Amino acid sequence: MIFVGTLMIITGGRSKNIQDILPTEVYDTETSEWKAFSGIGLFRHMSFSKDNFLFIYGGFENFNPNNPVEKIIKIDLLQYLSSNLNIQNKLEQFFEQKKEKERSKQNDGSDKSSIYSQNMSSGNNPIKNSVIENNLKQEKKFRLSNQAVVLKFNENMNEDIGMIRKISIDKLNDEGKRIGFQNIRPDIQNRRIYNENLISKFIDNLLRPFDWFTPEVDDMHLKLPFSIEEIDMLISEVGKVISKDNTLMRIKSPVKIFGNIFGQYNDLMRIFESFGQPTDENSMGDIHLFHYVFLGDYVDRGYYSLEVILLLFALKVY
């Protein structure tokens, strides 16, 4: 989102269906009206404007959400928003007024610029006056960034997984837990590797936020595809993980808090469908962005208590 004059321009974004291309929305703060234009097909990008051009860089494409975009897109706002004459006229007026202000500033500061020019020309320095003036406006300072760029990398595959984001420095210690960094909880990580097929079987069969209403899932409810031995192993693994947790959990934001589920498997899937799900295996997963807290009760009353508790156990180990 950027402001150009009195216009607020919002580009990109994503919906429940990540491949939907959302329109570019322009909000006129003078008339309180929204106008929609063709979308750019990006999300999690950054943008800035210079003169009548909008520059967009970074982010992910809706049709290819796993690979960061490595290019800068330059858009002529006058052409891009030309389908609405009112918006186009306001942009033209704003850009013209801006140019007039810049010209007046240059005229007002001509004496000052000439002084800088004379001082620098005496040393045979060919730097242009505009550069000199900009450099002399403020003292140069060295600053450390308060943010870090985090990339999830798979050492075994010797490749990055394509998940890049910026986080605050004071949250860097917790980032490893969110993205599954091996050295943060080596005991859990080793068990994940050892029982990866087991945990994946529970999650692949039970985490169905987009097709929980299909005949295939109905058949799964009639006969769960897990043996008693597999369930025993899952309970054993989750017991080891829970035994490491403190009685009082300190959870930092951002966090999603879930109340009583009571065996309502379909309701749990609806929540995951609408608000994201705790996994990195698909484009709607956001476990790397949020902590998930389930308060219980997990079973009883509903028809699918086993499905609910087994899925939550598998996600806990995962």
C-alpha atoms as a PDB file:
ATOM      1  CA  MET A   1       0.000   0.000   0.000  1.00  0.00           C
ATOM      2  CA  ILE A   2       1.295   3.453  -0.916  1.00  0.00           C
ATOM      3  CA  PHE A   3      -0.150   6.958  -1.052  1.00  0.00           C
ATOM      4  CA  VAL A   4       0.142   9.038  -4.211  1.00  0.00           C
ATOM      5  CA  GLY A   5      -1.315  12.419  -3.397  1.00  0.00           C
ATOM      6  CA  THR A   6      -4.805  11.854  -1.977  1.00  0.00           C
ATOM      7  CA  LEU A   7      -5.037   8.357  -3.469  1.00  0.00           C
ATOM      8  CA  MET A   8      -4.274   5.210  -1.492  1.00  0.00           C
ATOM      9  CA  ILE A   9      -3.174   2.446  -3.883  1.00  0.00           C
ATOM     10  CA  ILE A  10      -3.248  -1.188  -2.720  1.00  0.00           C
ATOM     11  CA  THR A  11      -1.640  -3.779  -4.990  1.00  0.00           C
ATOM     12  CA  GLY A  12      -1.580  -7.571  -4.835  1.00  0.00           C
ATOM     13  CA  GLY A  13      -2.487  -9.808  -1.940  1.00  0.00           C
ATOM     14  CA  ARG A  14      -3.882 -13.315  -1.584  1.00  0.00           C
ATOM     15  CA  SER A  15      -7.206 -14.887  -0.756  1.00  0.00           C
ATOM     16  CA  LYS A  16      -8.249 -18.287   0.562  1.00  0.00           C
ATOM     17  CA  ASN A  17      -7.445 -19.647  -2.883  1.00  0.00           C
ATOM     18  CA  ILE A  18      -3.856 -18.507  -3.246  1.00  0.00           C
ATOM     19  CA  GLN A  19      -4.001 -18.544  -7.059  1.00  0.00           C
ATOM     20  CA  ASP A  20      -6.745 -15.904  -7.174  1.00  0.00           C
ATOM     21  CA  ILE A  21      -5.392 -12.639  -8.582  1.00  0.00           C
ATOM     22  CA  LEU A  22      -6.815  -9.853  -6.450  1.00  0.00           C
ATOM     23  CA  PRO A  23      -7.553  -6.531  -8.154  1.00  0.00           C
ATOM     24  CA  THR A  24      -5.566  -3.375  -7.499  1.00  0.00           C
ATOM     25  CA  GLU A  25      -7.726  -1.160  -5.288  1.00  0.00           C
ATOM     26  CA  VAL A  26      -7.533   2.640  -5.243  1.00  0.00           C
ATOM     27  CA  TYR A  27      -9.178   4.579  -2.411  1.00  0.00           C
ATOM     28  CA  ASP A  28      -9.895   8.258  -2.999  1.00  0.00           C
ATOM     29  CA  THR A  29      -9.601   9.916   0.418  1.00  0.00           C
ATOM     30  CA  GLU A  30     -11.439  13.010  -0.851  1.00  0.00           C
ATOM     31  CA  THR A  31     -14.583  11.215  -2.042  1.00  0.00           C
ATOM     32  CA  SER A  32     -14.296   8.065   0.163  1.00  0.00           C
ATOM     33  CA  GLU A  33     -14.711   5.876  -2.922  1.00  0.00           C
ATOM     34  CA  TRP A  34     -12.988   2.624  -3.885  1.00  0.00           C
ATOM     35  CA  LYS A  35     -12.077   1.822  -7.482  1.00  0.00           C
ATOM     36  CA  ALA A  36     -10.851  -1.563  -8.748  1.00  0.00           C
ATOM     37  CA  PHE A  37      -8.295  -2.144 -11.509  1.00  0.00           C
ATOM     38  CA  SER A  38      -6.589  -5.198 -13.029  1.00  0.00           C
ATOM     39  CA  GLY A  39      -4.385  -7.071 -10.540  1.00  0.00           C
ATOM     40  CA  ILE A  40      -0.630  -7.646 -10.625  1.00  0.00           C
ATOM     41  CA  GLY A  41      -0.655 -11.280  -9.407  1.00  0.00           C
ATOM     42  CA  LEU A  42       1.785 -10.794  -6.502  1.00  0.00           C
ATOM     43  CA  PHE A  43       1.696 -10.937  -2.712  1.00  0.00           C
ATOM     44  CA  ARG A  44       4.142 -10.130   0.104  1.00  0.00           C
ATOM     45  CA  HIS A  45       5.908  -7.659  -2.144  1.00  0.00           C
ATOM     46  CA  MET A  46       7.100  -4.110  -1.503  1.00  0.00           C
ATOM     47  CA  SER A  47       6.409  -0.997  -3.540  1.00  0.00           C
ATOM     48  CA  PHE A  48       7.468   2.627  -3.885  1.00  0.00           C
ATOM     49  CA  SER A  49       6.713   5.449  -6.280  1.00  0.00           C
ATOM     50  CA  LYS A  50       8.907   7.895  -8.164  1.00  0.00           C
ATOM     51  CA  ASP A  51       7.253  10.601 -10.272  1.00  0.00           C
ATOM     52  CA  ASN A  52       4.427   8.884 -12.145  1.00  0.00           C
ATOM     53  CA  PHE A  53       5.952   5.410 -11.873  1.00  0.00           C
ATOM     54  CA  LEU A  54       5.153   2.660  -9.386  1.00  0.00           C
ATOM     55  CA  PHE A  55       8.001   0.225  -8.659  1.00  0.00           C
ATOM     56  CA  ILE A  56       7.233  -3.219  -7.229  1.00  0.00           C
ATOM     57  CA  TYR A  57       9.895  -5.645  -6.068  1.00  0.00           C
ATOM     58  CA  GLY A  58      10.125  -8.943  -4.218  1.00  0.00           C
ATOM     59  CA  GLY A  59       7.212 -11.062  -3.050  1.00  0.00           C
ATOM     60  CA  PHE A  60       5.687 -14.166  -4.602  1.00  0.00           C
ATOM     61  CA  GLU A  61       3.533 -14.809  -7.665  1.00  0.00           C
ATOM     62  CA  ASN A  62       0.036 -16.187  -7.108  1.00  0.00           C
ATOM     63  CA  PHE A  63       0.590 -18.882  -9.736  1.00  0.00           C
ATOM     64  CA  ASN A  64       4.033 -19.771  -8.375  1.00  0.00           C
ATOM     65  CA  PRO A  65       3.849 -19.110  -4.606  1.00  0.00           C
ATOM     66  CA  ASN A  66       6.940 -21.071  -3.579  1.00  0.00           C
ATOM     67  CA  ASN A  67       9.666 -19.117  -5.400  1.00  0.00           C
ATOM     68  CA  PRO A  68      10.454 -15.486  -4.558  1.00  0.00           C
ATOM     69  CA  VAL A  69      10.232 -13.009  -7.417  1.00  0.00           C
ATOM     70  CA  GLU A  70      13.673 -11.721  -8.379  1.00  0.00           C
ATOM     71  CA  LYS A  71      12.789  -8.696 -10.467  1.00  0.00           C
ATOM     72  CA  ILE A  72      11.584  -5.108 -10.208  1.00  0.00           C
ATOM     73  CA  ILE A  73       8.359  -4.217 -11.993  1.00  0.00           C
ATOM     74  CA  LYS A  74       7.948  -0.660 -13.286  1.00  0.00           C
ATOM     75  CA  ILE A  75       4.376   0.565 -13.860  1.00  0.00           C
ATOM     76  CA  ASP A  76       3.286   3.870 -15.369  1.00  0.00           C
ATOM     77  CA  LEU A  77       0.420   4.861 -13.044  1.00  0.00           C
ATOM     78  CA  LEU A  78      -1.121   7.221 -15.592  1.00  0.00           C
ATOM     79  CA  GLN A  79      -1.503   4.361 -18.054  1.00  0.00           C
ATOM     80  CA  TYR A  80      -2.275   1.664 -15.483  1.00  0.00           C
ATOM     81  CA  LEU A  81      -5.176   3.616 -13.966  1.00  0.00           C
ATOM     82  CA  SER A  82      -6.296   5.311 -17.192  1.00  0.00           C
ATOM     83  CA  SER A  83      -9.610   3.410 -17.272  1.00  0.00           C
ATOM     84  CA  ASN A  84     -10.935   5.817 -14.641  1.00  0.00           C
ATOM     85  CA  LEU A  85     -10.740   9.419 -15.895  1.00  0.00           C
ATOM     86  CA  ASN A  86     -11.326  10.921 -12.440  1.00  0.00           C
ATOM     87  CA  ILE A  87      -8.407   8.993 -10.947  1.00  0.00           C
ATOM     88  CA  GLN A  88      -6.210   9.793 -13.942  1.00  0.00           C
ATOM     89  CA  ASN A  89      -6.979  13.531 -13.701  1.00  0.00           C
ATOM     90  CA  LYS A  90      -6.145  13.601  -9.989  1.00  0.00           C
ATOM     91  CA  LEU A  91      -2.841  11.860 -10.656  1.00  0.00           C
ATOM     92  CA  GLU A  92      -1.960  14.304 -13.438  1.00  0.00           C
ATOM     93  CA  GLN A  93      -2.770  17.289 -11.207  1.00  0.00           C
ATOM     94  CA  PHE A  94      -0.718  15.843  -8.352  1.00  0.00           C
ATOM     95  CA  PHE A  95       2.332  15.144 -10.524  1.00  0.00           C
ATOM     96  CA  GLU A  96       2.140  18.608 -12.103  1.00  0.00           C
ATOM     97  CA  GLN A  97       1.874  20.308  -8.697  1.00  0.00           C
ATOM     98  CA  LYS A  98       4.801  18.248  -7.494  1.00  0.00           C
ATOM     99  CA  LYS A  99       6.940  19.335 -10.440  1.00  0.00           C
ATOM    100  CA  GLU A 100       6.051  22.974  -9.829  1.00  0.00           C
ATOM    101  CA  LYS A 101       7.084  22.671  -6.176  1.00  0.00           C
ATOM    102  CA  GLU A 102      10.374  21.101  -7.171  1.00  0.00           C
ATOM    103  CA  ARG A 103      11.031  23.865  -9.670  1.00  0.00           C
ATOM    104  CA  SER A 104      10.253  26.533  -7.061  1.00  0.00           C
ATOM    105  CA  LYS A 105      12.561  24.855  -4.555  1.00  0.00           C
ATOM    106  CA  GLN A 106      15.367  24.810  -7.080  1.00  0.00           C
ATOM    107  CA  ASN A 107      14.859  28.528  -7.714  1.00  0.00           C
ATOM    108  CA  ASP A 108      14.716  29.349  -3.996  1.00  0.00           C
ATOM    109  CA  GLY A 109      17.868  27.355  -3.302  1.00  0.00           C
ATOM    110  CA  SER A 110      19.889  28.551  -6.287  1.00  0.00           C
ATOM    111  CA  ASP A 111      22.189  30.752  -4.172  1.00  0.00           C
ATOM    112  CA  LYS A 112      22.803  27.939  -1.692  1.00  0.00           C
ATOM    113  CA  SER A 113      23.562  25.479  -4.471  1.00  0.00           C
ATOM    114  CA  SER A 114      25.989  27.896  -6.064  1.00  0.00           C
ATOM    115  CA  ILE A 115      27.879  28.221  -2.769  1.00  0.00           C
ATOM    116  CA  TYR A 116      28.258  24.454  -2.549  1.00  0.00           C
ATOM    117  CA  SER A 117      29.272  24.402  -6.195  1.00  0.00           C
ATOM    118  CA  GLN A 118      31.945  27.027  -5.713  1.00  0.00           C
ATOM    119  CA  ASN A 119      33.379  25.297  -2.668  1.00  0.00           C
ATOM    120  CA  MET A 120      33.592  21.970  -4.456  1.00  0.00           C
ATOM    121  CA  SER A 121      34.763  23.371  -7.789  1.00  0.00           C
ATOM    122  CA  SER A 122      37.732  24.959  -6.080  1.00  0.00           C
ATOM    123  CA  GLY A 123      38.937  21.424  -5.445  1.00  0.00           C
ATOM    124  CA  ASN A 124      38.300  20.409  -9.046  1.00  0.00           C
ATOM    125  CA  ASN A 125      35.491  18.097  -7.912  1.00  0.00           C
ATOM    126  CA  PRO A 126      33.164  17.221 -10.822  1.00  0.00           C
ATOM    127  CA  ILE A 127      30.235  16.064  -8.640  1.00  0.00           C
ATOM    128  CA  LYS A 128      26.928  17.640  -9.630  1.00  0.00           C
ATOM    129  CA  ASN A 129      25.343  20.283  -7.408  1.00  0.00           C
ATOM    130  CA  SER A 130      22.237  18.195  -6.708  1.00  0.00           C
ATOM    131  CA  VAL A 131      24.346  15.354  -5.344  1.00  0.00           C
ATOM    132  CA  ILE A 132      26.425  17.712  -3.218  1.00  0.00           C
ATOM    133  CA  GLU A 133      23.328  19.354  -1.788  1.00  0.00           C
ATOM    134  CA  ASN A 134      21.750  16.023  -0.914  1.00  0.00           C
ATOM    135  CA  ASN A 135      24.935  14.810   0.749  1.00  0.00           C
ATOM    136  CA  LEU A 136      25.287  17.951   2.846  1.00  0.00           C
ATOM    137  CA  LYS A 137      21.728  18.021   4.096  1.00  0.00           C
ATOM    138  CA  GLN A 138      22.401  15.592   6.929  1.00  0.00           C
ATOM    139  CA  GLU A 139      25.312  14.075   8.732  1.00  0.00           C
ATOM    140  CA  LYS A 140      26.224  10.568   7.608  1.00  0.00           C
ATOM    141  CA  LYS A 141      25.516   7.969  10.266  1.00  0.00           C
ATOM    142  CA  PHE A 142      26.082   4.251  10.581  1.00  0.00           C
ATOM    143  CA  ARG A 143      23.032   2.329  11.773  1.00  0.00           C
ATOM    144  CA  LEU A 144      22.341  -1.323  12.477  1.00  0.00           C
ATOM    145  CA  SER A 145      19.104  -2.714  11.134  1.00  0.00           C
ATOM    146  CA  ASN A 146      16.487  -3.836  13.655  1.00  0.00           C
ATOM    147  CA  GLN A 147      15.360  -6.613  11.301  1.00  0.00           C
ATOM    148  CA  ALA A 148      16.872  -9.824  10.007  1.00  0.00           C
ATOM    149  CA  VAL A 149      16.119 -11.709   6.792  1.00  0.00           C
ATOM    150  CA  VAL A 150      15.373 -15.392   7.444  1.00  0.00           C
ATOM    151  CA  LEU A 151      15.663 -18.110   4.799  1.00  0.00           C
ATOM    152  CA  LYS A 152      14.623 -21.702   5.461  1.00  0.00           C
ATOM    153  CA  PHE A 153      17.346 -23.998   4.140  1.00  0.00           C
ATOM    154  CA  ASN A 154      17.449 -27.790   3.862  1.00  0.00           C
ATOM    155  CA  GLU A 155      20.994 -28.966   4.550  1.00  0.00           C
ATOM    156  CA  ASN A 156      20.283 -32.532   3.478  1.00  0.00           C
ATOM    157  CA  MET A 157      18.991 -31.409   0.064  1.00  0.00           C
ATOM    158  CA  ASN A 158      21.512 -28.534  -0.127  1.00  0.00           C
ATOM    159  CA  GLU A 159      18.823 -26.148  -1.285  1.00  0.00           C
ATOM    160  CA  ASP A 160      16.603 -23.440   0.107  1.00  0.00           C
ATOM    161  CA  ILE A 161      12.897 -24.135   0.537  1.00  0.00           C
ATOM    162  CA  GLY A 162      11.923 -20.719  -0.781  1.00  0.00           C
ATOM    163  CA  MET A 163      10.468 -19.296   2.438  1.00  0.00           C
ATOM    164  CA  ILE A 164      11.963 -15.854   3.036  1.00  0.00           C
ATOM    165  CA  ARG A 165      10.721 -13.200   5.420  1.00  0.00           C
ATOM    166  CA  LYS A 166      11.891 -10.347   7.607  1.00  0.00           C
ATOM    167  CA  ILE A 167      11.584 -10.521  11.388  1.00  0.00           C
ATOM    168  CA  SER A 168      12.496  -8.274  14.264  1.00  0.00           C
ATOM    169  CA  ILE A 169      15.903  -8.928  15.865  1.00  0.00           C
ATOM    170  CA  ASP A 170      14.332  -9.497  19.281  1.00  0.00           C
ATOM    171  CA  LYS A 171      12.285 -12.377  17.816  1.00  0.00           C
ATOM    172  CA  LEU A 172      15.207 -14.065  16.110  1.00  0.00           C
ATOM    173  CA  ASN A 173      15.680 -16.620  18.915  1.00  0.00           C
ATOM    174  CA  ASP A 174      12.137 -17.923  18.433  1.00  0.00           C
ATOM    175  CA  GLU A 175      12.355 -18.121  14.654  1.00  0.00           C
ATOM    176  CA  GLY A 176      14.193 -21.451  14.661  1.00  0.00           C
ATOM    177  CA  LYS A 177      11.296 -23.133  16.420  1.00  0.00           C
ATOM    178  CA  ARG A 178       8.828 -21.812  13.871  1.00  0.00           C
ATOM    179  CA  ILE A 179      10.701 -22.979  10.788  1.00  0.00           C
ATOM    180  CA  GLY A 180      11.930 -26.273  12.272  1.00  0.00           C
ATOM    181  CA  PHE A 181      15.618 -25.423  12.655  1.00  0.00           C
ATOM    182  CA  GLN A 182      17.476 -28.611  13.556  1.00  0.00           C
ATOM    183  CA  ASN A 183      19.630 -27.270  16.364  1.00  0.00           C
ATOM    184  CA  ILE A 184      16.809 -25.725  18.385  1.00  0.00           C
ATOM    185  CA  ARG A 185      15.160 -28.955  19.556  1.00  0.00           C
ATOM    186  CA  PRO A 186      17.462 -31.777  18.355  1.00  0.00           C
ATOM    187  CA  ASP A 187      15.553 -34.422  20.307  1.00  0.00           C
ATOM    188  CA  ILE A 188      12.278 -33.610  18.523  1.00  0.00           C
ATOM    189  CA  GLN A 189      13.975 -33.150  15.175  1.00  0.00           C
ATOM    190  CA  ASN A 190      15.646 -36.570  15.379  1.00  0.00           C
ATOM    191  CA  ARG A 191      12.382 -38.227  16.268  1.00  0.00           C
ATOM    192  CA  ARG A 192      10.733 -36.515  13.332  1.00  0.00           C
ATOM    193  CA  ILE A 193      13.319 -37.989  11.014  1.00  0.00           C
ATOM    194  CA  TYR A 194      13.051 -41.420  12.630  1.00  0.00           C
ATOM    195  CA  ASN A 195       9.235 -41.470  12.527  1.00  0.00           C
ATOM    196  CA  GLU A 196       8.737 -39.194   9.557  1.00  0.00           C
ATOM    197  CA  ASN A 197       6.642 -41.706   7.621  1.00  0.00           C
ATOM    198  CA  LEU A 198       4.428 -42.360  10.637  1.00  0.00           C
ATOM    199  CA  ILE A 199       3.748 -38.693  11.382  1.00  0.00           C
ATOM    200  CA  SER A 200       3.225 -37.926   7.702  1.00  0.00           C
ATOM    201  CA  LYS A 201       0.658 -40.717   7.436  1.00  0.00           C
ATOM    202  CA  PHE A 202      -1.502 -39.194  10.172  1.00  0.00           C
ATOM    203  CA  ILE A 203      -1.181 -35.656   8.812  1.00  0.00           C
ATOM    204  CA  ASP A 204      -1.720 -36.606   5.160  1.00  0.00           C
ATOM    205  CA  ASN A 205      -4.899 -38.524   5.983  1.00  0.00           C
ATOM    206  CA  LEU A 206      -6.383 -36.196   8.611  1.00  0.00           C
ATOM    207  CA  LEU A 207      -5.313 -32.681   7.662  1.00  0.00           C
ATOM    208  CA  ARG A 208      -7.897 -32.086   4.913  1.00  0.00           C
ATOM    209  CA  PRO A 209      -9.048 -28.455   5.184  1.00  0.00           C
ATOM    210  CA  PHE A 210     -10.055 -28.205   1.526  1.00  0.00           C
ATOM    211  CA  ASP A 211     -11.807 -31.533   0.960  1.00  0.00           C
ATOM    212  CA  TRP A 212     -13.125 -32.608   4.381  1.00  0.00           C
ATOM    213  CA  PHE A 213     -16.621 -32.990   2.868  1.00  0.00           C
ATOM    214  CA  THR A 214     -15.700 -35.470   0.091  1.00  0.00           C
ATOM    215  CA  PRO A 215     -16.795 -39.131  -0.113  1.00  0.00           C
ATOM    216  CA  GLU A 216     -13.157 -40.136   0.345  1.00  0.00           C
ATOM    217  CA  VAL A 217     -13.066 -38.490   3.775  1.00  0.00           C
ATOM    218  CA  ASP A 218     -16.446 -40.013   4.649  1.00  0.00           C
ATOM    219  CA  ASP A 219     -14.955 -43.446   3.942  1.00  0.00           C
ATOM    220  CA  MET A 220     -11.974 -42.603   6.142  1.00  0.00           C
ATOM    221  CA  HIS A 221     -14.323 -41.826   9.030  1.00  0.00           C
ATOM    222  CA  LEU A 222     -15.956 -45.249   8.663  1.00  0.00           C
ATOM    223  CA  LYS A 223     -12.611 -47.024   8.847  1.00  0.00           C
ATOM    224  CA  LEU A 224      -9.566 -45.133  10.030  1.00  0.00           C
ATOM    225  CA  PRO A 225      -6.457 -46.106   8.015  1.00  0.00           C
ATOM    226  CA  PHE A 226      -4.260 -46.547  11.097  1.00  0.00           C
ATOM    227  CA  SER A 227      -3.294 -49.691  12.933  1.00  0.00           C
ATOM    228  CA  ILE A 228      -3.277 -50.017  16.718  1.00  0.00           C
ATOM    229  CA  GLU A 229       0.515 -50.227  16.603  1.00  0.00           C
ATOM    230  CA  GLU A 230       0.751 -46.922  14.681  1.00  0.00           C
ATOM    231  CA  ILE A 231      -1.556 -45.195  17.145  1.00  0.00           C
ATOM    232  CA  ASP A 232       0.504 -46.547  20.067  1.00  0.00           C
ATOM    233  CA  MET A 233       3.675 -45.205  18.470  1.00  0.00           C
ATOM    234  CA  LEU A 234       2.088 -41.788  17.940  1.00  0.00           C
ATOM    235  CA  ILE A 235       0.919 -41.632  21.557  1.00  0.00           C
ATOM    236  CA  SER A 236       4.381 -42.626  22.741  1.00  0.00           C
ATOM    237  CA  GLU A 237       6.063 -39.934  20.635  1.00  0.00           C
ATOM    238  CA  VAL A 238       3.688 -37.159  21.635  1.00  0.00           C
ATOM    239  CA  GLY A 239       4.089 -38.159  25.271  1.00  0.00           C
ATOM    240  CA  LYS A 240       7.831 -37.608  25.013  1.00  0.00           C
ATOM    241  CA  VAL A 241       7.301 -34.189  23.472  1.00  0.00           C
ATOM    242  CA  ILE A 242       4.685 -33.053  25.988  1.00  0.00           C
ATOM    243  CA  SER A 243       6.828 -34.218  28.915  1.00  0.00           C
ATOM    244  CA  LYS A 244       9.442 -31.637  27.859  1.00  0.00           C
ATOM    245  CA  ASP A 245       6.928 -28.773  28.000  1.00  0.00           C
ATOM    246  CA  ASN A 246       6.476 -26.606  31.065  1.00  0.00           C
ATOM    247  CA  THR A 247       3.199 -26.560  32.961  1.00  0.00           C
ATOM    248  CA  LEU A 248       2.972 -22.833  32.329  1.00  0.00           C
ATOM    249  CA  MET A 249       3.567 -21.981  28.665  1.00  0.00           C
ATOM    250  CA  ARG A 250       4.800 -18.529  27.702  1.00  0.00           C
ATOM    251  CA  ILE A 251       3.580 -17.825  24.174  1.00  0.00           C
ATOM    252  CA  LYS A 252       4.697 -14.807  22.173  1.00  0.00           C
ATOM    253  CA  SER A 253       2.584 -13.175  19.529  1.00  0.00           C
ATOM    254  CA  PRO A 254       1.568 -13.632  16.796  1.00  0.00           C
ATOM    255  CA  VAL A 255      -0.509 -16.597  17.972  1.00  0.00           C
ATOM    256  CA  LYS A 256      -3.751 -18.370  17.067  1.00  0.00           C
ATOM    257  CA  ILE A 257      -5.784 -19.638  20.026  1.00  0.00           C
ATOM    258  CA  PHE A 258      -8.370 -22.411  19.604  1.00  0.00           C
ATOM    259  CA  GLY A 259     -11.068 -23.152  22.160  1.00  0.00           C
ATOM    260  CA  ASN A 260     -12.968 -26.367  22.813  1.00  0.00           C
ATOM    261  CA  ILE A 261     -13.227 -28.610  19.739  1.00  0.00           C
ATOM    262  CA  PHE A 262     -15.181 -31.497  21.327  1.00  0.00           C
ATOM    263  CA  GLY A 263     -14.506 -33.938  18.516  1.00  0.00           C
ATOM    264  CA  GLN A 264     -15.945 -31.635  15.847  1.00  0.00           C
ATOM    265  CA  TYR A 265     -13.516 -32.589  13.089  1.00  0.00           C
ATOM    266  CA  ASN A 266     -15.434 -30.741  10.373  1.00  0.00           C
ATOM    267  CA  ASP A 267     -15.396 -27.514  12.382  1.00  0.00           C
ATOM    268  CA  LEU A 268     -11.638 -27.840  12.894  1.00  0.00           C
ATOM    269  CA  MET A 269     -11.143 -28.237   9.135  1.00  0.00           C
ATOM    270  CA  ARG A 270     -13.340 -25.202   8.471  1.00  0.00           C
ATOM    271  CA  ILE A 271     -11.139 -23.148  10.791  1.00  0.00           C
ATOM    272  CA  PHE A 272      -7.989 -24.331   9.009  1.00  0.00           C
ATOM    273  CA  GLU A 273      -9.615 -23.613   5.651  1.00  0.00           C
ATOM    274  CA  SER A 274     -10.537 -20.044   6.620  1.00  0.00           C
ATOM    275  CA  PHE A 275      -7.571 -18.969   8.743  1.00  0.00           C
ATOM    276  CA  GLY A 276      -4.600 -21.064   7.597  1.00  0.00           C
ATOM    277  CA  GLN A 277      -3.195 -24.309   8.928  1.00  0.00           C
ATOM    278  CA  PRO A 278      -0.152 -25.322  11.022  1.00  0.00           C
ATOM    279  CA  THR A 279       2.049 -26.782   8.302  1.00  0.00           C
ATOM    280  CA  ASP A 280       4.644 -25.738   5.748  1.00  0.00           C
ATOM    281  CA  GLU A 281       3.665 -28.407   3.232  1.00  0.00           C
ATOM    282  CA  ASN A 282       1.244 -26.283   1.205  1.00  0.00           C
ATOM    283  CA  SER A 283       0.694 -22.659   0.228  1.00  0.00           C
ATOM    284  CA  MET A 284      -1.954 -22.012   2.898  1.00  0.00           C
ATOM    285  CA  GLY A 285       0.281 -23.186   5.734  1.00  0.00           C
ATOM    286  CA  ASP A 286       1.462 -20.515   8.163  1.00  0.00           C
ATOM    287  CA  ILE A 287       3.186 -22.392  10.996  1.00  0.00           C
ATOM    288  CA  HIS A 288       6.304 -20.318  10.239  1.00  0.00           C
ATOM    289  CA  LEU A 289       4.349 -17.144  11.017  1.00  0.00           C
ATOM    290  CA  PHE A 290       2.146 -18.089  13.968  1.00  0.00           C
ATOM    291  CA  HIS A 291       2.194 -20.092  17.171  1.00  0.00           C
ATOM    292  CA  TYR A 292      -0.818 -22.401  17.533  1.00  0.00           C
ATOM    293  CA  VAL A 293      -2.415 -22.927  20.962  1.00  0.00           C
ATOM    294  CA  PHE A 294      -5.178 -25.503  21.460  1.00  0.00           C
ATOM    295  CA  LEU A 295      -6.898 -25.114  24.835  1.00  0.00           C
ATOM    296  CA  GLY A 296      -9.078 -28.252  24.740  1.00  0.00           C
ATOM    297  CA  ASP A 297     -11.443 -30.008  25.274  1.00  0.00           C
ATOM    298  CA  TYR A 298     -10.493 -32.074  22.256  1.00  0.00           C
ATOM    299  CA  VAL A 299     -12.852 -35.072  22.400  1.00  0.00           C
ATOM    300  CA  ASP A 300     -16.387 -36.030  23.454  1.00  0.00           C
ATOM    301  CA  ARG A 301     -19.768 -34.855  22.114  1.00  0.00           C
ATOM    302  CA  GLY A 302     -18.685 -34.824  18.460  1.00  0.00           C
ATOM    303  CA  TYR A 303     -18.634 -37.795  16.093  1.00  0.00           C
ATOM    304  CA  TYR A 304     -14.923 -37.662  15.242  1.00  0.00           C
ATOM    305  CA  SER A 305     -13.020 -37.485  18.509  1.00  0.00           C
ATOM    306  CA  LEU A 306     -10.337 -39.930  17.346  1.00  0.00           C
ATOM    307  CA  GLU A 307      -9.688 -37.987  14.162  1.00  0.00           C
ATOM    308  CA  VAL A 308      -9.305 -34.734  16.117  1.00  0.00           C
ATOM    309  CA  ILE A 309      -6.993 -36.002  18.849  1.00  0.00           C
ATOM    310  CA  LEU A 310      -4.803 -38.066  16.497  1.00  0.00           C
ATOM    311  CA  LEU A 311      -4.351 -35.106  14.155  1.00  0.00           C
ATOM    312  CA  LEU A 312      -3.465 -32.751  17.017  1.00  0.00           C
ATOM    313  CA  PHE A 313      -1.014 -35.326  18.386  1.00  0.00           C
ATOM    314  CA  ALA A 314       0.662 -35.647  14.974  1.00  0.00           C
ATOM    315  CA  LEU A 315       0.865 -31.845  14.581  1.00  0.00           C
ATOM    316  CA  LYS A 316       2.385 -31.579  18.058  1.00  0.00           C
ATOM    317  CA  VAL A 317       5.171 -33.999  17.133  1.00  0.00           C
ATOM    318  CA  TYR A 318       5.531 -32.386  13.703  1.00  0.00           C
END
